[in-house]
Amino acid sequence: MKVIGVNIDRETEKWQRLIKNKNLDNWIHVYDPERKSDFRAKYDVYGTPSVYLLDEKKIIRGKKLDHQNMLTVIEILEGKVSSKN
């Protein structure tokens, strides 16, 4: 599993401290200070935090999840629980 963090704020020093203080070095971190990317429109990201779950083919399997329902979606996708529960 890979975690990608996208900084949409302009406070890079605060962001870099957070990465260091929370030991998030194993995440993939991206930053678009010039706002050249259209990820907001493509992924409907207009507020933070926004959590998306993508599979290995980069297909969105869960959108705007929180920490509790993200685990449930993962378990459903892995066949550990029924989606009818």
N, C-alpha and C. Protein backbone atom coordinates (compact mmCIF):
# COMPACT_ATOMS: atom_id res chain seq x y z
N MET A 1 0.85 -1.17 0.00
CA MET A 1 0.00 0.00 0.00
C MET A 1 0.90 1.24 0.00
N LYS A 2 0.48 2.24 -0.76
CA LYS A 2 1.20 3.51 -0.82
C LYS A 2 0.25 4.62 -0.39
N VAL A 3 0.81 5.60 0.30
CA VAL A 3 0.03 6.77 0.71
C VAL A 3 0.65 7.97 0.01
N ILE A 4 -0.21 8.76 -0.61
CA ILE A 4 0.23 9.97 -1.29
C ILE A 4 -0.39 11.16 -0.58
N GLY A 5 0.45 12.08 -0.13
CA GLY A 5 -0.03 13.30 0.52
C GLY A 5 0.16 14.47 -0.43
N VAL A 6 -0.88 15.25 -0.60
CA VAL A 6 -0.83 16.41 -1.49
C VAL A 6 -0.97 17.67 -0.65
N ASN A 7 0.01 18.53 -0.72
CA ASN A 7 -0.03 19.80 0.01
C ASN A 7 -0.72 20.82 -0.88
N ILE A 8 -1.84 21.36 -0.39
CA ILE A 8 -2.53 22.41 -1.16
C ILE A 8 -2.37 23.77 -0.49
N ASP A 9 -1.60 23.80 0.58
CA ASP A 9 -1.35 25.02 1.33
C ASP A 9 -0.05 25.64 0.84
N ARG A 10 0.15 26.87 1.13
CA ARG A 10 1.39 27.54 0.71
C ARG A 10 2.45 27.54 1.81
N GLU A 11 2.13 26.99 2.97
CA GLU A 11 3.07 26.97 4.10
C GLU A 11 3.96 25.73 4.03
N THR A 12 4.99 25.78 3.19
CA THR A 12 5.83 24.62 2.97
C THR A 12 6.63 24.23 4.21
N GLU A 13 7.08 25.20 4.99
CA GLU A 13 7.86 24.88 6.19
C GLU A 13 7.02 24.10 7.19
N LYS A 14 5.78 24.51 7.40
CA LYS A 14 4.87 23.80 8.30
C LYS A 14 4.63 22.38 7.79
N TRP A 15 4.43 22.22 6.51
CA TRP A 15 4.21 20.92 5.88
C TRP A 15 5.42 20.01 6.07
N GLN A 16 6.61 20.54 5.84
CA GLN A 16 7.84 19.75 5.99
C GLN A 16 8.07 19.36 7.45
N ARG A 17 7.73 20.22 8.40
CA ARG A 17 7.83 19.87 9.82
C ARG A 17 6.87 18.75 10.18
N LEU A 18 5.66 18.83 9.65
CA LEU A 18 4.66 17.78 9.90
C LEU A 18 5.17 16.42 9.39
N ILE A 19 5.73 16.40 8.20
CA ILE A 19 6.28 15.15 7.64
C ILE A 19 7.34 14.59 8.57
N LYS A 20 8.21 15.44 9.04
CA LYS A 20 9.30 15.00 9.92
C LYS A 20 8.76 14.57 11.29
N ASN A 21 7.91 15.39 11.90
CA ASN A 21 7.41 15.11 13.25
C ASN A 21 6.51 13.89 13.32
N LYS A 22 5.78 13.60 12.26
CA LYS A 22 4.86 12.46 12.23
C LYS A 22 5.48 11.23 11.55
N ASN A 23 6.78 11.32 11.21
CA ASN A 23 7.50 10.21 10.56
C ASN A 23 6.77 9.72 9.31
N LEU A 24 6.44 10.64 8.43
CA LEU A 24 5.72 10.32 7.21
C LEU A 24 6.66 10.19 6.01
N ASP A 25 7.90 9.82 6.27
CA ASP A 25 8.89 9.72 5.21
C ASP A 25 8.57 8.63 4.19
N ASN A 26 7.76 7.64 4.59
CA ASN A 26 7.44 6.56 3.66
C ASN A 26 6.25 6.90 2.76
N TRP A 27 5.65 8.06 2.94
CA TRP A 27 4.58 8.54 2.06
C TRP A 27 5.21 9.15 0.81
N ILE A 28 4.43 9.25 -0.23
CA ILE A 28 4.80 10.03 -1.42
C ILE A 28 4.18 11.41 -1.22
N HIS A 29 5.01 12.44 -1.24
CA HIS A 29 4.53 13.80 -1.00
C HIS A 29 4.63 14.61 -2.28
N VAL A 30 3.55 15.30 -2.60
CA VAL A 30 3.55 16.16 -3.79
C VAL A 30 3.04 17.54 -3.41
N TYR A 31 3.49 18.52 -4.17
CA TYR A 31 3.15 19.91 -3.88
C TYR A 31 3.06 20.65 -5.20
N ASP A 32 2.04 21.42 -5.36
CA ASP A 32 1.81 22.16 -6.59
C ASP A 32 1.59 23.64 -6.26
N PRO A 33 2.65 24.35 -5.88
CA PRO A 33 2.49 25.74 -5.45
C PRO A 33 2.00 26.67 -6.55
N GLU A 34 2.26 26.33 -7.79
CA GLU A 34 1.83 27.17 -8.91
C GLU A 34 0.44 26.78 -9.40
N ARG A 35 -0.14 25.75 -8.79
CA ARG A 35 -1.49 25.25 -9.14
C ARG A 35 -1.63 24.95 -10.63
N LYS A 36 -0.62 24.26 -11.16
CA LYS A 36 -0.63 23.87 -12.58
C LYS A 36 -1.44 22.60 -12.81
N SER A 37 -1.58 21.80 -11.78
CA SER A 37 -2.32 20.55 -11.89
C SER A 37 -3.82 20.82 -11.79
N ASP A 38 -4.61 19.98 -12.41
CA ASP A 38 -6.06 20.12 -12.30
C ASP A 38 -6.64 19.02 -11.40
N PHE A 39 -5.86 18.57 -10.41
CA PHE A 39 -6.32 17.48 -9.54
C PHE A 39 -7.59 17.85 -8.78
N ARG A 40 -7.77 19.12 -8.46
CA ARG A 40 -8.98 19.53 -7.73
C ARG A 40 -10.24 19.18 -8.52
N ALA A 41 -10.25 19.51 -9.79
CA ALA A 41 -11.41 19.21 -10.63
C ALA A 41 -11.53 17.72 -10.91
N LYS A 42 -10.41 17.07 -11.19
CA LYS A 42 -10.44 15.64 -11.52
C LYS A 42 -10.92 14.79 -10.35
N TYR A 43 -10.51 15.15 -9.13
CA TYR A 43 -10.82 14.33 -7.95
C TYR A 43 -11.82 15.00 -7.00
N ASP A 44 -12.41 16.12 -7.41
CA ASP A 44 -13.41 16.78 -6.60
C ASP A 44 -12.87 17.13 -5.21
N VAL A 45 -11.67 17.72 -5.19
CA VAL A 45 -11.01 18.08 -3.94
C VAL A 45 -11.11 19.58 -3.76
N TYR A 46 -11.97 19.98 -2.86
CA TYR A 46 -12.13 21.41 -2.59
C TYR A 46 -12.04 21.70 -1.10
N GLY A 47 -11.73 20.69 -0.33
CA GLY A 47 -11.53 20.85 1.10
C GLY A 47 -10.56 19.79 1.59
N THR A 48 -10.02 20.02 2.74
CA THR A 48 -9.08 19.06 3.30
C THR A 48 -9.48 18.70 4.72
N PRO A 49 -9.12 17.54 5.20
CA PRO A 49 -8.48 16.49 4.40
C PRO A 49 -9.50 15.76 3.53
N SER A 50 -9.04 15.25 2.42
CA SER A 50 -9.84 14.40 1.54
C SER A 50 -9.07 13.11 1.34
N VAL A 51 -9.71 11.99 1.62
CA VAL A 51 -9.04 10.70 1.51
C VAL A 51 -9.71 9.89 0.41
N TYR A 52 -8.90 9.41 -0.51
CA TYR A 52 -9.36 8.56 -1.61
C TYR A 52 -8.62 7.25 -1.54
N LEU A 53 -9.28 6.17 -1.88
CA LEU A 53 -8.67 4.85 -1.92
C LEU A 53 -8.64 4.39 -3.37
N LEU A 54 -7.43 4.17 -3.89
CA LEU A 54 -7.25 3.72 -5.27
C LEU A 54 -6.67 2.32 -5.26
N ASP A 55 -7.02 1.52 -6.25
CA ASP A 55 -6.42 0.20 -6.34
C ASP A 55 -5.12 0.28 -7.12
N GLU A 56 -4.52 -0.88 -7.37
CA GLU A 56 -3.22 -0.91 -8.04
C GLU A 56 -3.29 -0.39 -9.47
N LYS A 57 -4.49 -0.33 -10.05
CA LYS A 57 -4.67 0.20 -11.40
C LYS A 57 -5.07 1.68 -11.37
N LYS A 58 -5.03 2.27 -10.19
CA LYS A 58 -5.36 3.68 -9.96
C LYS A 58 -6.84 3.99 -10.21
N ILE A 59 -7.68 2.97 -10.00
CA ILE A 59 -9.11 3.15 -10.08
C ILE A 59 -9.61 3.53 -8.68
N ILE A 60 -10.40 4.59 -8.60
CA ILE A 60 -10.90 5.04 -7.30
C ILE A 60 -11.90 4.02 -6.77
N ARG A 61 -11.62 3.48 -5.58
CA ARG A 61 -12.48 2.49 -4.94
C ARG A 61 -13.22 3.07 -3.74
N GLY A 62 -12.77 4.20 -3.25
CA GLY A 62 -13.43 4.90 -2.15
C GLY A 62 -13.11 6.37 -2.26
N LYS A 63 -14.12 7.21 -2.01
CA LYS A 63 -13.95 8.65 -2.21
C LYS A 63 -14.40 9.39 -0.96
N LYS A 64 -13.56 10.34 -0.53
CA LYS A 64 -13.84 11.18 0.64
C LYS A 64 -14.14 10.32 1.87
N LEU A 65 -13.22 9.40 2.14
CA LEU A 65 -13.36 8.48 3.25
C LEU A 65 -12.79 9.08 4.53
N ASP A 66 -13.25 8.56 5.67
CA ASP A 66 -12.60 8.87 6.92
C ASP A 66 -11.87 7.61 7.37
N HIS A 67 -11.15 7.70 8.48
CA HIS A 67 -10.31 6.57 8.89
C HIS A 67 -11.12 5.31 9.19
N GLN A 68 -12.36 5.43 9.64
CA GLN A 68 -13.16 4.26 9.97
C GLN A 68 -13.73 3.58 8.72
N ASN A 69 -14.35 4.36 7.83
CA ASN A 69 -14.93 3.70 6.67
C ASN A 69 -13.88 3.30 5.64
N MET A 70 -12.68 3.87 5.70
CA MET A 70 -11.62 3.45 4.82
C MET A 70 -11.24 2.00 5.11
N LEU A 71 -11.12 1.65 6.38
CA LEU A 71 -10.79 0.27 6.74
C LEU A 71 -11.88 -0.69 6.29
N THR A 72 -13.12 -0.29 6.41
CA THR A 72 -14.24 -1.13 5.97
C THR A 72 -14.18 -1.35 4.46
N VAL A 73 -13.93 -0.30 3.70
CA VAL A 73 -13.83 -0.42 2.25
C VAL A 73 -12.69 -1.35 1.87
N ILE A 74 -11.55 -1.23 2.52
CA ILE A 74 -10.41 -2.12 2.25
C ILE A 74 -10.80 -3.57 2.52
N GLU A 75 -11.46 -3.82 3.65
CA GLU A 75 -11.87 -5.18 3.99
C GLU A 75 -12.86 -5.73 2.96
N ILE A 76 -13.78 -4.90 2.49
CA ILE A 76 -14.73 -5.34 1.46
C ILE A 76 -13.98 -5.69 0.18
N LEU A 77 -13.07 -4.83 -0.23
CA LEU A 77 -12.32 -5.07 -1.47
C LEU A 77 -11.44 -6.31 -1.37
N GLU A 78 -10.94 -6.60 -0.18
CA GLU A 78 -10.12 -7.79 0.02
C GLU A 78 -10.96 -9.04 0.27
N GLY A 79 -12.29 -8.88 0.29
CA GLY A 79 -13.18 -10.02 0.47
C GLY A 79 -13.26 -10.51 1.90
N LYS A 80 -12.84 -9.69 2.86
CA LYS A 80 -12.85 -10.11 4.27
C LYS A 80 -14.21 -9.93 4.92
N VAL A 81 -15.03 -9.03 4.37
CA VAL A 81 -16.39 -8.83 4.87
C VAL A 81 -17.32 -8.66 3.67
N SER A 82 -18.57 -8.94 3.89
CA SER A 82 -19.57 -8.79 2.83
C SER A 82 -19.96 -7.33 2.71
N SER A 83 -20.16 -6.85 1.50
CA SER A 83 -20.60 -5.47 1.30
C SER A 83 -22.04 -5.28 1.70
N LYS A 84 -22.77 -6.38 2.00
CA LYS A 84 -24.18 -6.29 2.41
C LYS A 84 -24.32 -6.06 3.90
N ASN A 85 -23.22 -6.11 4.66
CA ASN A 85 -23.28 -5.90 6.12
C ASN A 85 -23.52 -4.46 6.46
